[in-house]
Amino acid sequence: GSYLNDAKSLRATPLGDGDRIRLGTGTMLRFSLVDEQEELALKKVYEAALKDGLTGALNRRALEERIDAEVSYANRHGTELSLVIFDVDHFKRVNDTYGHPGGDAVLRAMGELALRSLRTEDTFGRYGGEEFVVVTRGIDLAGARGVAERLRELVAASPIVFEGREIRVTASAGAASLRCCGDVRDRSTLVSIADARLYRAKQNGRNRVVAD
């Protein structure tokens, strides 16, 4: 049942600042009246818990939760779902040449390029270091390969300006879909297949996409 301030709620009731709403046994909400400044501060706190501060992408924890949700939805409804892992080629060389501030500038640029080019319904997150993940809802493996190729081409064509100098980088990617996972259609299997394909892209010369 639903409870308002620990009393069972049987009819529509206006809410006041500080009221507590309990839905069932596992969900507790608190109703608060806030001004515009307080709302902005709460939004920043919420985003800080979900997003990587450097790139604007989802952080690892939020990304994994989103992948789990997308996989569950695709399995339940029989829809397509694919995942792309991409990272910056020779990123250590960037750090060695331009220092960590230069490396950070490259990672920020990767976030900006990806967020600008992806669909609203796509999920974009930082998996770790210079590695990023894109989850494409309703897209099969061929479509995911196309997404990865567009990102790869965009990175190669977009020099990053740092302290008056241009840093040119390339990216490699691996793509997989739930159809690649066989009987074990979960996040771990999907990510592992895409990651293995990323590794092959690196082995085969970098600046390329492997999707099979």
N, C-alpha and C. Protein backbone atom coordinates (compact mmCIF):
# COMPACT_ATOMS: atom_id res chain seq x y z
N GLY A 1 0.80 -1.20 0.00
CA GLY A 1 0.00 0.00 0.00
C GLY A 1 0.84 1.25 0.00
N SER A 2 0.17 2.41 -0.01
CA SER A 2 0.85 3.69 0.01
C SER A 2 0.60 4.38 1.35
N TYR A 3 1.66 4.97 1.89
CA TYR A 3 1.56 5.62 3.20
C TYR A 3 2.08 7.04 3.09
N LEU A 4 1.38 7.97 3.75
CA LEU A 4 1.80 9.36 3.83
C LEU A 4 2.09 9.68 5.29
N ASN A 5 3.37 10.00 5.57
CA ASN A 5 3.79 10.26 6.95
C ASN A 5 3.36 9.14 7.89
N ASP A 6 3.58 7.90 7.41
CA ASP A 6 3.33 6.66 8.18
C ASP A 6 1.86 6.33 8.36
N ALA A 7 0.96 7.11 7.75
CA ALA A 7 -0.47 6.78 7.80
C ALA A 7 -0.90 6.28 6.43
N LYS A 8 -1.68 5.21 6.39
CA LYS A 8 -2.11 4.65 5.12
C LYS A 8 -2.93 5.67 4.35
N SER A 9 -2.57 5.84 3.07
CA SER A 9 -3.25 6.83 2.23
C SER A 9 -4.32 6.15 1.41
N LEU A 10 -5.57 6.60 1.57
CA LEU A 10 -6.70 5.98 0.88
C LEU A 10 -7.33 6.91 -0.15
N ARG A 11 -6.92 8.17 -0.19
CA ARG A 11 -7.50 9.12 -1.14
C ARG A 11 -6.45 10.15 -1.53
N ALA A 12 -6.73 10.91 -2.58
CA ALA A 12 -5.81 11.96 -3.02
C ALA A 12 -5.64 12.99 -1.92
N THR A 13 -4.38 13.33 -1.60
CA THR A 13 -4.09 14.25 -0.50
C THR A 13 -3.03 15.25 -0.95
N PRO A 14 -3.26 16.56 -0.77
CA PRO A 14 -2.21 17.54 -1.11
C PRO A 14 -0.96 17.29 -0.29
N LEU A 15 0.21 17.45 -0.92
CA LEU A 15 1.48 17.25 -0.23
C LEU A 15 2.04 18.57 0.26
N GLY A 16 2.74 18.51 1.40
CA GLY A 16 3.39 19.68 1.95
C GLY A 16 4.88 19.45 2.05
N ASP A 17 5.63 20.53 2.23
CA ASP A 17 7.09 20.43 2.32
C ASP A 17 7.48 19.50 3.46
N GLY A 18 8.32 18.51 3.15
CA GLY A 18 8.80 17.58 4.16
C GLY A 18 7.98 16.33 4.31
N ASP A 19 6.84 16.22 3.61
CA ASP A 19 6.02 15.01 3.72
C ASP A 19 6.80 13.79 3.23
N ARG A 20 6.56 12.65 3.89
CA ARG A 20 7.21 11.40 3.52
C ARG A 20 6.18 10.47 2.89
N ILE A 21 6.53 9.90 1.75
CA ILE A 21 5.63 8.98 1.04
C ILE A 21 6.32 7.63 0.96
N ARG A 22 5.64 6.59 1.44
CA ARG A 22 6.18 5.23 1.34
C ARG A 22 5.30 4.42 0.40
N LEU A 23 5.95 3.82 -0.62
CA LEU A 23 5.25 2.99 -1.60
C LEU A 23 5.66 1.54 -1.36
N GLY A 24 4.72 0.74 -0.90
CA GLY A 24 5.06 -0.65 -0.61
C GLY A 24 6.03 -0.72 0.55
N THR A 25 6.93 -1.72 0.47
CA THR A 25 7.87 -1.92 1.58
C THR A 25 9.28 -1.44 1.25
N GLY A 26 9.53 -1.09 -0.02
CA GLY A 26 10.92 -0.81 -0.38
C GLY A 26 11.22 0.57 -0.91
N THR A 27 10.20 1.44 -1.06
CA THR A 27 10.46 2.76 -1.65
C THR A 27 9.96 3.85 -0.73
N MET A 28 10.86 4.75 -0.36
CA MET A 28 10.52 5.89 0.48
C MET A 28 10.89 7.17 -0.26
N LEU A 29 9.95 8.11 -0.36
CA LEU A 29 10.18 9.39 -1.02
C LEU A 29 9.92 10.52 -0.02
N ARG A 30 10.61 11.64 -0.24
CA ARG A 30 10.38 12.82 0.59
C ARG A 30 10.06 13.99 -0.33
N PHE A 31 8.94 14.64 -0.10
CA PHE A 31 8.50 15.76 -0.92
C PHE A 31 9.07 17.05 -0.34
N SER A 32 9.78 17.81 -1.20
CA SER A 32 10.38 19.05 -0.74
C SER A 32 10.07 20.18 -1.71
N LEU A 33 9.83 21.36 -1.15
CA LEU A 33 9.67 22.56 -1.95
C LEU A 33 11.01 23.29 -1.96
N VAL A 34 11.58 23.50 -3.14
CA VAL A 34 12.88 24.16 -3.23
C VAL A 34 12.80 25.30 -4.24
N ASP A 35 13.67 26.28 -4.04
CA ASP A 35 13.72 27.37 -5.00
C ASP A 35 14.65 26.98 -6.16
N GLU A 36 14.77 27.87 -7.13
CA GLU A 36 15.53 27.56 -8.34
C GLU A 36 17.00 27.26 -8.03
N GLN A 37 17.58 28.00 -7.09
CA GLN A 37 18.99 27.80 -6.75
C GLN A 37 19.20 26.45 -6.07
N GLU A 38 18.29 26.10 -5.17
CA GLU A 38 18.38 24.80 -4.49
C GLU A 38 18.18 23.66 -5.48
N GLU A 39 17.26 23.84 -6.43
CA GLU A 39 17.03 22.82 -7.44
C GLU A 39 18.28 22.59 -8.29
N LEU A 40 18.96 23.68 -8.65
CA LEU A 40 20.18 23.57 -9.44
C LEU A 40 21.26 22.84 -8.66
N ALA A 41 21.37 23.15 -7.36
CA ALA A 41 22.37 22.48 -6.52
C ALA A 41 22.08 20.99 -6.40
N LEU A 42 20.80 20.62 -6.24
CA LEU A 42 20.43 19.21 -6.15
C LEU A 42 20.71 18.49 -7.46
N LYS A 43 20.46 19.18 -8.58
CA LYS A 43 20.73 18.58 -9.88
C LYS A 43 22.22 18.32 -10.05
N LYS A 44 23.07 19.23 -9.60
CA LYS A 44 24.51 19.05 -9.70
C LYS A 44 24.97 17.86 -8.85
N VAL A 45 24.40 17.72 -7.67
CA VAL A 45 24.75 16.58 -6.81
C VAL A 45 24.35 15.27 -7.48
N TYR A 46 23.14 15.26 -8.06
CA TYR A 46 22.65 14.05 -8.74
C TYR A 46 23.55 13.69 -9.92
N GLU A 47 23.90 14.70 -10.73
CA GLU A 47 24.74 14.42 -11.89
C GLU A 47 26.13 13.99 -11.48
N ALA A 48 26.66 14.54 -10.38
CA ALA A 48 27.99 14.16 -9.91
C ALA A 48 28.04 12.69 -9.51
N ALA A 49 26.90 12.16 -9.07
CA ALA A 49 26.86 10.76 -8.67
C ALA A 49 26.81 9.83 -9.87
N LEU A 50 26.43 10.34 -11.03
CA LEU A 50 26.26 9.51 -12.21
C LEU A 50 27.33 9.72 -13.28
N LYS A 51 27.89 10.91 -13.33
CA LYS A 51 28.73 11.27 -14.48
C LYS A 51 30.21 11.38 -14.12
N ASP A 52 31.03 11.07 -15.12
CA ASP A 52 32.46 11.27 -15.02
C ASP A 52 32.75 12.76 -15.14
N GLY A 53 33.44 13.31 -14.16
CA GLY A 53 33.64 14.75 -14.11
C GLY A 53 34.46 15.31 -15.24
N LEU A 54 35.34 14.51 -15.83
CA LEU A 54 36.21 15.00 -16.89
C LEU A 54 35.54 15.03 -18.25
N THR A 55 34.81 13.96 -18.58
CA THR A 55 34.30 13.80 -19.95
C THR A 55 32.81 14.05 -20.11
N GLY A 56 32.06 14.09 -19.01
CA GLY A 56 30.61 14.23 -19.11
C GLY A 56 29.88 12.95 -19.42
N ALA A 57 30.62 11.85 -19.62
CA ALA A 57 30.02 10.54 -19.86
C ALA A 57 29.55 9.95 -18.53
N LEU A 58 28.68 8.94 -18.60
CA LEU A 58 28.33 8.22 -17.39
C LEU A 58 29.58 7.61 -16.77
N ASN A 59 29.64 7.55 -15.45
CA ASN A 59 30.77 6.88 -14.81
C ASN A 59 30.58 5.36 -14.87
N ARG A 60 31.59 4.62 -14.46
CA ARG A 60 31.58 3.16 -14.62
C ARG A 60 30.37 2.52 -13.94
N ARG A 61 30.09 2.92 -12.73
CA ARG A 61 28.98 2.31 -11.99
C ARG A 61 27.64 2.58 -12.66
N ALA A 62 27.39 3.84 -13.02
CA ALA A 62 26.13 4.19 -13.67
C ALA A 62 26.02 3.51 -15.02
N LEU A 63 27.14 3.42 -15.74
CA LEU A 63 27.14 2.76 -17.05
C LEU A 63 26.75 1.29 -16.92
N GLU A 64 27.34 0.59 -15.97
CA GLU A 64 27.04 -0.83 -15.82
C GLU A 64 25.58 -1.05 -15.43
N GLU A 65 25.05 -0.17 -14.59
CA GLU A 65 23.63 -0.27 -14.24
C GLU A 65 22.75 -0.06 -15.46
N ARG A 66 23.13 0.90 -16.31
CA ARG A 66 22.34 1.17 -17.51
C ARG A 66 22.42 -0.01 -18.50
N ILE A 67 23.61 -0.59 -18.64
CA ILE A 67 23.74 -1.75 -19.53
C ILE A 67 22.86 -2.89 -19.04
N ASP A 68 22.89 -3.15 -17.73
CA ASP A 68 22.05 -4.22 -17.17
C ASP A 68 20.58 -3.98 -17.50
N ALA A 69 20.13 -2.73 -17.35
CA ALA A 69 18.73 -2.40 -17.64
C ALA A 69 18.41 -2.59 -19.11
N GLU A 70 19.31 -2.16 -19.99
CA GLU A 70 19.08 -2.29 -21.42
C GLU A 70 19.07 -3.75 -21.85
N VAL A 71 19.97 -4.55 -21.29
CA VAL A 71 20.01 -5.99 -21.61
C VAL A 71 18.73 -6.67 -21.15
N SER A 72 18.28 -6.35 -19.95
CA SER A 72 17.04 -6.95 -19.43
C SER A 72 15.86 -6.59 -20.33
N TYR A 73 15.79 -5.34 -20.75
CA TYR A 73 14.68 -4.90 -21.61
C TYR A 73 14.74 -5.63 -22.95
N ALA A 74 15.92 -5.70 -23.56
CA ALA A 74 16.06 -6.34 -24.87
C ALA A 74 15.73 -7.83 -24.79
N ASN A 75 16.18 -8.48 -23.73
CA ASN A 75 15.87 -9.91 -23.57
C ASN A 75 14.38 -10.14 -23.37
N ARG A 76 13.75 -9.27 -22.60
CA ARG A 76 12.33 -9.44 -22.29
C ARG A 76 11.46 -9.20 -23.51
N HIS A 77 11.84 -8.21 -24.34
CA HIS A 77 11.00 -7.82 -25.47
C HIS A 77 11.50 -8.35 -26.81
N GLY A 78 12.63 -9.05 -26.80
CA GLY A 78 13.16 -9.60 -28.04
C GLY A 78 13.63 -8.56 -29.02
N THR A 79 14.17 -7.45 -28.51
CA THR A 79 14.64 -6.37 -29.38
C THR A 79 16.16 -6.42 -29.53
N GLU A 80 16.65 -5.68 -30.50
CA GLU A 80 18.09 -5.63 -30.75
C GLU A 80 18.79 -4.75 -29.72
N LEU A 81 20.02 -5.13 -29.41
CA LEU A 81 20.85 -4.30 -28.54
C LEU A 81 22.31 -4.58 -28.87
N SER A 82 23.08 -3.53 -29.06
CA SER A 82 24.50 -3.69 -29.38
C SER A 82 25.33 -2.77 -28.51
N LEU A 83 26.62 -3.06 -28.47
CA LEU A 83 27.53 -2.31 -27.62
C LEU A 83 28.85 -2.12 -28.35
N VAL A 84 29.39 -0.92 -28.24
CA VAL A 84 30.68 -0.58 -28.85
C VAL A 84 31.64 -0.15 -27.74
N ILE A 85 32.83 -0.72 -27.74
CA ILE A 85 33.91 -0.23 -26.87
C ILE A 85 34.96 0.41 -27.76
N PHE A 86 35.33 1.64 -27.44
CA PHE A 86 36.41 2.28 -28.21
C PHE A 86 37.36 2.98 -27.26
N ASP A 87 38.62 3.09 -27.69
CA ASP A 87 39.57 3.85 -26.90
C ASP A 87 40.58 4.55 -27.80
N VAL A 88 41.34 5.42 -27.18
CA VAL A 88 42.30 6.25 -27.91
C VAL A 88 43.56 5.43 -28.17
N ASP A 89 43.99 5.40 -29.41
CA ASP A 89 45.22 4.69 -29.75
C ASP A 89 46.44 5.43 -29.19
N HIS A 90 47.40 4.65 -28.69
CA HIS A 90 48.67 5.20 -28.19
C HIS A 90 48.45 6.34 -27.18
N PHE A 91 47.52 6.12 -26.26
CA PHE A 91 47.21 7.19 -25.32
C PHE A 91 48.40 7.49 -24.40
N LYS A 92 49.17 6.48 -24.06
CA LYS A 92 50.35 6.70 -23.22
C LYS A 92 51.31 7.67 -23.90
N ARG A 93 51.41 7.57 -25.22
CA ARG A 93 52.28 8.47 -25.96
C ARG A 93 51.79 9.92 -25.84
N VAL A 94 50.47 10.10 -25.83
CA VAL A 94 49.92 11.44 -25.64
C VAL A 94 50.33 11.99 -24.28
N ASN A 95 50.18 11.19 -23.23
CA ASN A 95 50.55 11.64 -21.89
C ASN A 95 52.05 11.92 -21.79
N ASP A 96 52.85 11.06 -22.42
CA ASP A 96 54.31 11.25 -22.36
C ASP A 96 54.73 12.52 -23.09
N THR A 97 54.03 12.85 -24.17
CA THR A 97 54.40 14.02 -24.99
C THR A 97 53.85 15.32 -24.43
N TYR A 98 52.59 15.31 -24.01
CA TYR A 98 51.92 16.55 -23.62
C TYR A 98 51.63 16.63 -22.12
N GLY A 99 51.98 15.59 -21.38
CA GLY A 99 51.66 15.56 -19.96
C GLY A 99 50.21 15.18 -19.72
N HIS A 100 49.88 14.97 -18.46
CA HIS A 100 48.52 14.56 -18.14
C HIS A 100 47.47 15.61 -18.49
N PRO A 101 47.78 16.91 -18.39
CA PRO A 101 46.79 17.90 -18.85
C PRO A 101 46.45 17.73 -20.33
N GLY A 102 47.45 17.37 -21.15
CA GLY A 102 47.19 17.11 -22.56
C GLY A 102 46.33 15.88 -22.74
N GLY A 103 46.63 14.83 -21.95
CA GLY A 103 45.80 13.63 -21.99
C GLY A 103 44.37 13.91 -21.58
N ASP A 104 44.20 14.75 -20.56
CA ASP A 104 42.85 15.12 -20.13
C ASP A 104 42.11 15.88 -21.23
N ALA A 105 42.83 16.73 -21.94
CA ALA A 105 42.20 17.48 -23.04
C ALA A 105 41.70 16.53 -24.12
N VAL A 106 42.47 15.48 -24.39
CA VAL A 106 42.05 14.48 -25.38
C VAL A 106 40.81 13.73 -24.89
N LEU A 107 40.80 13.33 -23.63
CA LEU A 107 39.64 12.61 -23.10
C LEU A 107 38.39 13.48 -23.09
N ARG A 108 38.54 14.75 -22.73
CA ARG A 108 37.39 15.66 -22.78
C ARG A 108 36.85 15.76 -24.21
N ALA A 109 37.77 15.85 -25.16
CA ALA A 109 37.35 15.94 -26.56
C ALA A 109 36.62 14.68 -27.00
N MET A 110 37.07 13.51 -26.54
CA MET A 110 36.38 12.26 -26.88
C MET A 110 34.95 12.29 -26.37
N GLY A 111 34.78 12.77 -25.14
CA GLY A 111 33.43 12.88 -24.59
C GLY A 111 32.55 13.82 -25.38
N GLU A 112 33.10 14.97 -25.75
CA GLU A 112 32.32 15.96 -26.50
C GLU A 112 31.95 15.43 -27.89
N LEU A 113 32.90 14.79 -28.56
CA LEU A 113 32.63 14.27 -29.90
C LEU A 113 31.55 13.20 -29.86
N ALA A 114 31.66 12.29 -28.90
CA ALA A 114 30.69 11.20 -28.82
C ALA A 114 29.30 11.71 -28.46
N LEU A 115 29.23 12.55 -27.44
CA LEU A 115 27.93 13.05 -27.01
C LEU A 115 27.24 13.85 -28.10
N ARG A 116 28.02 14.53 -28.92
CA ARG A 116 27.46 15.34 -30.00
C ARG A 116 26.95 14.48 -31.15
N SER A 117 27.54 13.31 -31.34
CA SER A 117 27.23 12.51 -32.53
C SER A 117 26.23 11.39 -32.28
N LEU A 118 25.99 11.03 -31.02
CA LEU A 118 25.12 9.89 -30.72
C LEU A 118 23.65 10.32 -30.60
N ARG A 119 22.76 9.34 -30.70
CA ARG A 119 21.33 9.59 -30.53
C ARG A 119 21.00 9.82 -29.06
N THR A 120 19.89 10.46 -28.81
CA THR A 120 19.45 10.69 -27.43
C THR A 120 19.26 9.38 -26.69
N GLU A 121 18.75 8.35 -27.38
CA GLU A 121 18.47 7.08 -26.72
C GLU A 121 19.69 6.19 -26.54
N ASP A 122 20.84 6.58 -27.11
CA ASP A 122 22.06 5.82 -26.89
C ASP A 122 22.63 6.12 -25.51
N THR A 123 23.34 5.16 -24.96
CA THR A 123 24.01 5.34 -23.67
C THR A 123 25.50 5.46 -23.90
N PHE A 124 26.12 6.47 -23.30
CA PHE A 124 27.56 6.69 -23.47
C PHE A 124 28.21 6.81 -22.10
N GLY A 125 29.25 6.02 -21.88
CA GLY A 125 29.91 6.05 -20.59
C GLY A 125 31.42 5.84 -20.70
N ARG A 126 32.11 6.26 -19.67
CA ARG A 126 33.55 6.03 -19.58
C ARG A 126 33.76 4.75 -18.79
N TYR A 127 34.39 3.78 -19.44
CA TYR A 127 34.56 2.46 -18.83
C TYR A 127 35.80 2.42 -17.95
N GLY A 128 36.78 3.24 -18.28
CA GLY A 128 38.00 3.28 -17.49
C GLY A 128 39.15 3.82 -18.31
N GLY A 129 39.99 4.69 -17.70
CA GLY A 129 41.13 5.22 -18.43
C GLY A 129 40.69 5.93 -19.69
N GLU A 130 41.23 5.49 -20.84
CA GLU A 130 40.88 6.08 -22.13
C GLU A 130 39.84 5.24 -22.87
N GLU A 131 39.12 4.38 -22.17
CA GLU A 131 38.17 3.46 -22.79
C GLU A 131 36.74 3.92 -22.54
N PHE A 132 35.95 3.93 -23.62
CA PHE A 132 34.56 4.39 -23.56
C PHE A 132 33.63 3.31 -24.12
N VAL A 133 32.37 3.38 -23.73
CA VAL A 133 31.36 2.42 -24.19
C VAL A 133 30.15 3.18 -24.71
N VAL A 134 29.61 2.68 -25.82
CA VAL A 134 28.35 3.17 -26.37
C VAL A 134 27.38 2.00 -26.43
N VAL A 135 26.20 2.16 -25.88
CA VAL A 135 25.16 1.13 -25.93
C VAL A 135 24.07 1.63 -26.86
N THR A 136 23.79 0.86 -27.91
CA THR A 136 22.85 1.29 -28.94
C THR A 136 21.57 0.46 -28.89
N ARG A 137 20.54 1.06 -28.38
CA ARG A 137 19.24 0.39 -28.26
C ARG A 137 18.59 0.24 -29.64
N GLY A 138 18.05 -0.95 -29.92
CA GLY A 138 17.33 -1.18 -31.17
C GLY A 138 18.21 -1.26 -32.39
N ILE A 139 19.51 -1.42 -32.21
CA ILE A 139 20.47 -1.45 -33.32
C ILE A 139 21.14 -2.81 -33.38
N ASP A 140 21.20 -3.41 -34.57
CA ASP A 140 21.85 -4.71 -34.71
C ASP A 140 23.35 -4.53 -34.88
N LEU A 141 24.07 -5.64 -35.10
CA LEU A 141 25.52 -5.59 -35.16
C LEU A 141 26.02 -4.73 -36.32
N ALA A 142 25.37 -4.84 -37.47
CA ALA A 142 25.78 -4.02 -38.62
C ALA A 142 25.61 -2.53 -38.31
N GLY A 143 24.53 -2.20 -37.65
CA GLY A 143 24.32 -0.80 -37.27
C GLY A 143 25.34 -0.32 -36.27
N ALA A 144 25.70 -1.20 -35.31
CA ALA A 144 26.71 -0.84 -34.32
C ALA A 144 28.07 -0.64 -34.97
N ARG A 145 28.38 -1.47 -35.96
CA ARG A 145 29.62 -1.26 -36.70
C ARG A 145 29.63 0.13 -37.35
N GLY A 146 28.47 0.51 -37.92
CA GLY A 146 28.37 1.83 -38.53
C GLY A 146 28.58 2.95 -37.52
N VAL A 147 27.99 2.80 -36.32
CA VAL A 147 28.19 3.79 -35.26
C VAL A 147 29.67 3.90 -34.92
N ALA A 148 30.33 2.74 -34.76
CA ALA A 148 31.75 2.72 -34.41
C ALA A 148 32.60 3.36 -35.50
N GLU A 149 32.28 3.08 -36.75
CA GLU A 149 33.04 3.66 -37.85
C GLU A 149 32.88 5.18 -37.89
N ARG A 150 31.67 5.66 -37.65
CA ARG A 150 31.45 7.12 -37.65
C ARG A 150 32.26 7.78 -36.53
N LEU A 151 32.28 7.15 -35.35
CA LEU A 151 33.07 7.69 -34.25
C LEU A 151 34.55 7.67 -34.58
N ARG A 152 35.02 6.57 -35.16
CA ARG A 152 36.43 6.45 -35.52
C ARG A 152 36.82 7.55 -36.52
N GLU A 153 36.00 7.74 -37.53
CA GLU A 153 36.29 8.76 -38.54
C GLU A 153 36.24 10.17 -37.94
N LEU A 154 35.30 10.39 -37.04
CA LEU A 154 35.17 11.70 -36.40
C LEU A 154 36.40 12.02 -35.57
N VAL A 155 36.87 11.04 -34.81
CA VAL A 155 38.06 11.25 -33.99
C VAL A 155 39.27 11.57 -34.87
N ALA A 156 39.45 10.79 -35.93
CA ALA A 156 40.61 10.99 -36.80
C ALA A 156 40.58 12.35 -37.50
N ALA A 157 39.38 12.88 -37.72
CA ALA A 157 39.24 14.14 -38.46
C ALA A 157 39.15 15.36 -37.55
N SER A 158 39.32 15.17 -36.24
CA SER A 158 39.09 16.27 -35.29
C SER A 158 40.33 16.50 -34.42
N PRO A 159 41.29 17.30 -34.90
CA PRO A 159 42.46 17.60 -34.08
C PRO A 159 42.05 18.35 -32.81
N ILE A 160 42.75 18.08 -31.72
CA ILE A 160 42.45 18.70 -30.43
C ILE A 160 43.48 19.78 -30.17
N VAL A 161 43.03 20.99 -29.90
CA VAL A 161 43.94 22.10 -29.64
C VAL A 161 44.25 22.14 -28.14
N PHE A 162 45.55 22.07 -27.84
CA PHE A 162 45.99 22.12 -26.44
C PHE A 162 47.20 23.03 -26.34
N GLU A 163 47.04 24.10 -25.57
CA GLU A 163 48.12 25.07 -25.37
C GLU A 163 48.71 25.55 -26.70
N GLY A 164 47.84 25.81 -27.65
CA GLY A 164 48.27 26.33 -28.93
C GLY A 164 48.80 25.30 -29.90
N ARG A 165 48.79 24.04 -29.51
CA ARG A 165 49.27 22.98 -30.39
C ARG A 165 48.13 22.02 -30.72
N GLU A 166 48.22 21.38 -31.86
CA GLU A 166 47.23 20.39 -32.26
C GLU A 166 47.68 19.00 -31.86
N ILE A 167 46.80 18.28 -31.21
CA ILE A 167 47.04 16.86 -30.91
C ILE A 167 46.13 16.05 -31.82
N ARG A 168 46.71 15.22 -32.63
CA ARG A 168 45.93 14.35 -33.52
C ARG A 168 45.98 12.92 -32.98
N VAL A 169 44.82 12.33 -32.80
CA VAL A 169 44.75 10.96 -32.31
C VAL A 169 43.80 10.15 -33.18
N THR A 170 43.89 8.85 -33.06
CA THR A 170 42.94 7.94 -33.68
C THR A 170 42.34 7.06 -32.60
N ALA A 171 41.31 6.32 -32.97
CA ALA A 171 40.64 5.43 -32.02
C ALA A 171 40.39 4.07 -32.66
N SER A 172 40.38 3.06 -31.83
CA SER A 172 40.02 1.70 -32.26
C SER A 172 38.76 1.28 -31.52
N ALA A 173 38.01 0.35 -32.12
CA ALA A 173 36.73 -0.04 -31.51
C ALA A 173 36.43 -1.51 -31.76
N GLY A 174 35.70 -2.08 -30.81
CA GLY A 174 35.13 -3.41 -30.98
C GLY A 174 33.63 -3.33 -30.76
N ALA A 175 32.86 -4.04 -31.57
CA ALA A 175 31.40 -3.99 -31.47
C ALA A 175 30.84 -5.40 -31.31
N ALA A 176 29.77 -5.52 -30.54
CA ALA A 176 29.09 -6.80 -30.36
C ALA A 176 27.61 -6.54 -30.13
N SER A 177 26.79 -7.54 -30.41
CA SER A 177 25.36 -7.44 -30.14
C SER A 177 24.94 -8.61 -29.26
N LEU A 178 23.73 -8.53 -28.72
CA LEU A 178 23.24 -9.65 -27.91
C LEU A 178 23.18 -10.93 -28.71
N ARG A 179 22.99 -10.82 -30.02
CA ARG A 179 22.94 -12.02 -30.86
C ARG A 179 24.29 -12.73 -30.90
N CYS A 180 25.36 -12.04 -30.54
CA CYS A 180 26.69 -12.66 -30.50
C CYS A 180 26.90 -13.47 -29.23
N CYS A 181 26.00 -13.35 -28.26
CA CYS A 181 26.25 -13.88 -26.92
C CYS A 181 25.81 -15.32 -26.72
N GLY A 182 25.16 -15.91 -27.70
CA GLY A 182 24.70 -17.29 -27.52
C GLY A 182 23.64 -17.38 -26.45
N ASP A 183 23.78 -18.38 -25.58
CA ASP A 183 22.77 -18.62 -24.55
C ASP A 183 22.93 -17.70 -23.34
N VAL A 184 24.11 -17.10 -23.18
CA VAL A 184 24.36 -16.25 -22.00
C VAL A 184 24.28 -14.79 -22.43
N ARG A 185 23.08 -14.26 -22.41
CA ARG A 185 22.84 -12.89 -22.91
C ARG A 185 22.81 -11.93 -21.72
N ASP A 186 24.00 -11.59 -21.21
CA ASP A 186 24.08 -10.67 -20.09
C ASP A 186 25.17 -9.63 -20.34
N ARG A 187 25.26 -8.67 -19.40
CA ARG A 187 26.24 -7.58 -19.57
C ARG A 187 27.66 -8.11 -19.68
N SER A 188 28.03 -9.02 -18.81
CA SER A 188 29.41 -9.50 -18.78
C SER A 188 29.81 -10.13 -20.11
N THR A 189 28.94 -10.95 -20.68
CA THR A 189 29.25 -11.61 -21.95
C THR A 189 29.32 -10.60 -23.08
N LEU A 190 28.36 -9.68 -23.13
CA LEU A 190 28.33 -8.68 -24.19
C LEU A 190 29.59 -7.81 -24.16
N VAL A 191 29.97 -7.34 -22.97
CA VAL A 191 31.15 -6.49 -22.84
C VAL A 191 32.42 -7.27 -23.19
N SER A 192 32.48 -8.53 -22.74
CA SER A 192 33.68 -9.34 -23.00
C SER A 192 33.90 -9.55 -24.50
N ILE A 193 32.82 -9.81 -25.24
CA ILE A 193 32.96 -10.02 -26.69
C ILE A 193 33.42 -8.73 -27.37
N ALA A 194 32.81 -7.61 -27.01
CA ALA A 194 33.21 -6.34 -27.61
C ALA A 194 34.65 -6.00 -27.25
N ASP A 195 35.04 -6.28 -26.02
CA ASP A 195 36.39 -5.98 -25.57
C ASP A 195 37.43 -6.83 -26.32
N ALA A 196 37.10 -8.11 -26.54
CA ALA A 196 38.01 -8.98 -27.29
C ALA A 196 38.17 -8.47 -28.72
N ARG A 197 37.11 -7.93 -29.30
CA ARG A 197 37.18 -7.39 -30.66
C ARG A 197 37.97 -6.09 -30.69
N LEU A 198 37.86 -5.29 -29.63
CA LEU A 198 38.70 -4.10 -29.53
C LEU A 198 40.18 -4.51 -29.49
N TYR A 199 40.50 -5.53 -28.73
CA TYR A 199 41.88 -6.01 -28.64
C TYR A 199 42.39 -6.44 -30.01
N ARG A 200 41.53 -7.11 -30.78
CA ARG A 200 41.94 -7.52 -32.12
C ARG A 200 42.16 -6.31 -33.03
N ALA A 201 41.33 -5.28 -32.86
CA ALA A 201 41.53 -4.05 -33.64
C ALA A 201 42.90 -3.45 -33.34
N LYS A 202 43.31 -3.49 -32.08
CA LYS A 202 44.62 -2.99 -31.70
C LYS A 202 45.72 -3.85 -32.33
N GLN A 203 45.55 -5.16 -32.25
CA GLN A 203 46.55 -6.07 -32.80
C GLN A 203 46.70 -5.91 -34.31
N ASN A 204 45.61 -5.58 -34.98
CA ASN A 204 45.62 -5.51 -36.45
C ASN A 204 46.04 -4.15 -36.99
N GLY A 205 46.53 -3.28 -36.12
CA GLY A 205 47.09 -2.03 -36.62
C GLY A 205 46.47 -0.76 -36.08
N ARG A 206 45.41 -0.86 -35.27
CA ARG A 206 44.73 0.31 -34.69
C ARG A 206 44.00 1.14 -35.75
N ASN A 207 43.28 2.16 -35.26
CA ASN A 207 42.47 3.03 -36.13
C ASN A 207 41.56 2.20 -37.01
N ARG A 208 40.86 1.27 -36.39
CA ARG A 208 39.94 0.41 -37.13
C ARG A 208 38.87 -0.15 -36.19
N VAL A 209 37.84 -0.74 -36.80
CA VAL A 209 36.73 -1.34 -36.06
C VAL A 209 36.69 -2.83 -36.36
N VAL A 210 36.53 -3.64 -35.33
CA VAL A 210 36.33 -5.08 -35.49
C VAL A 210 34.95 -5.41 -34.91
N ALA A 211 34.12 -6.08 -35.70
CA ALA A 211 32.77 -6.39 -35.27
C ALA A 211 32.39 -7.84 -35.53
N ASP A 212 33.38 -8.71 -35.77
CA ASP A 212 33.08 -10.13 -35.96
C ASP A 212 34.30 -10.96 -35.60
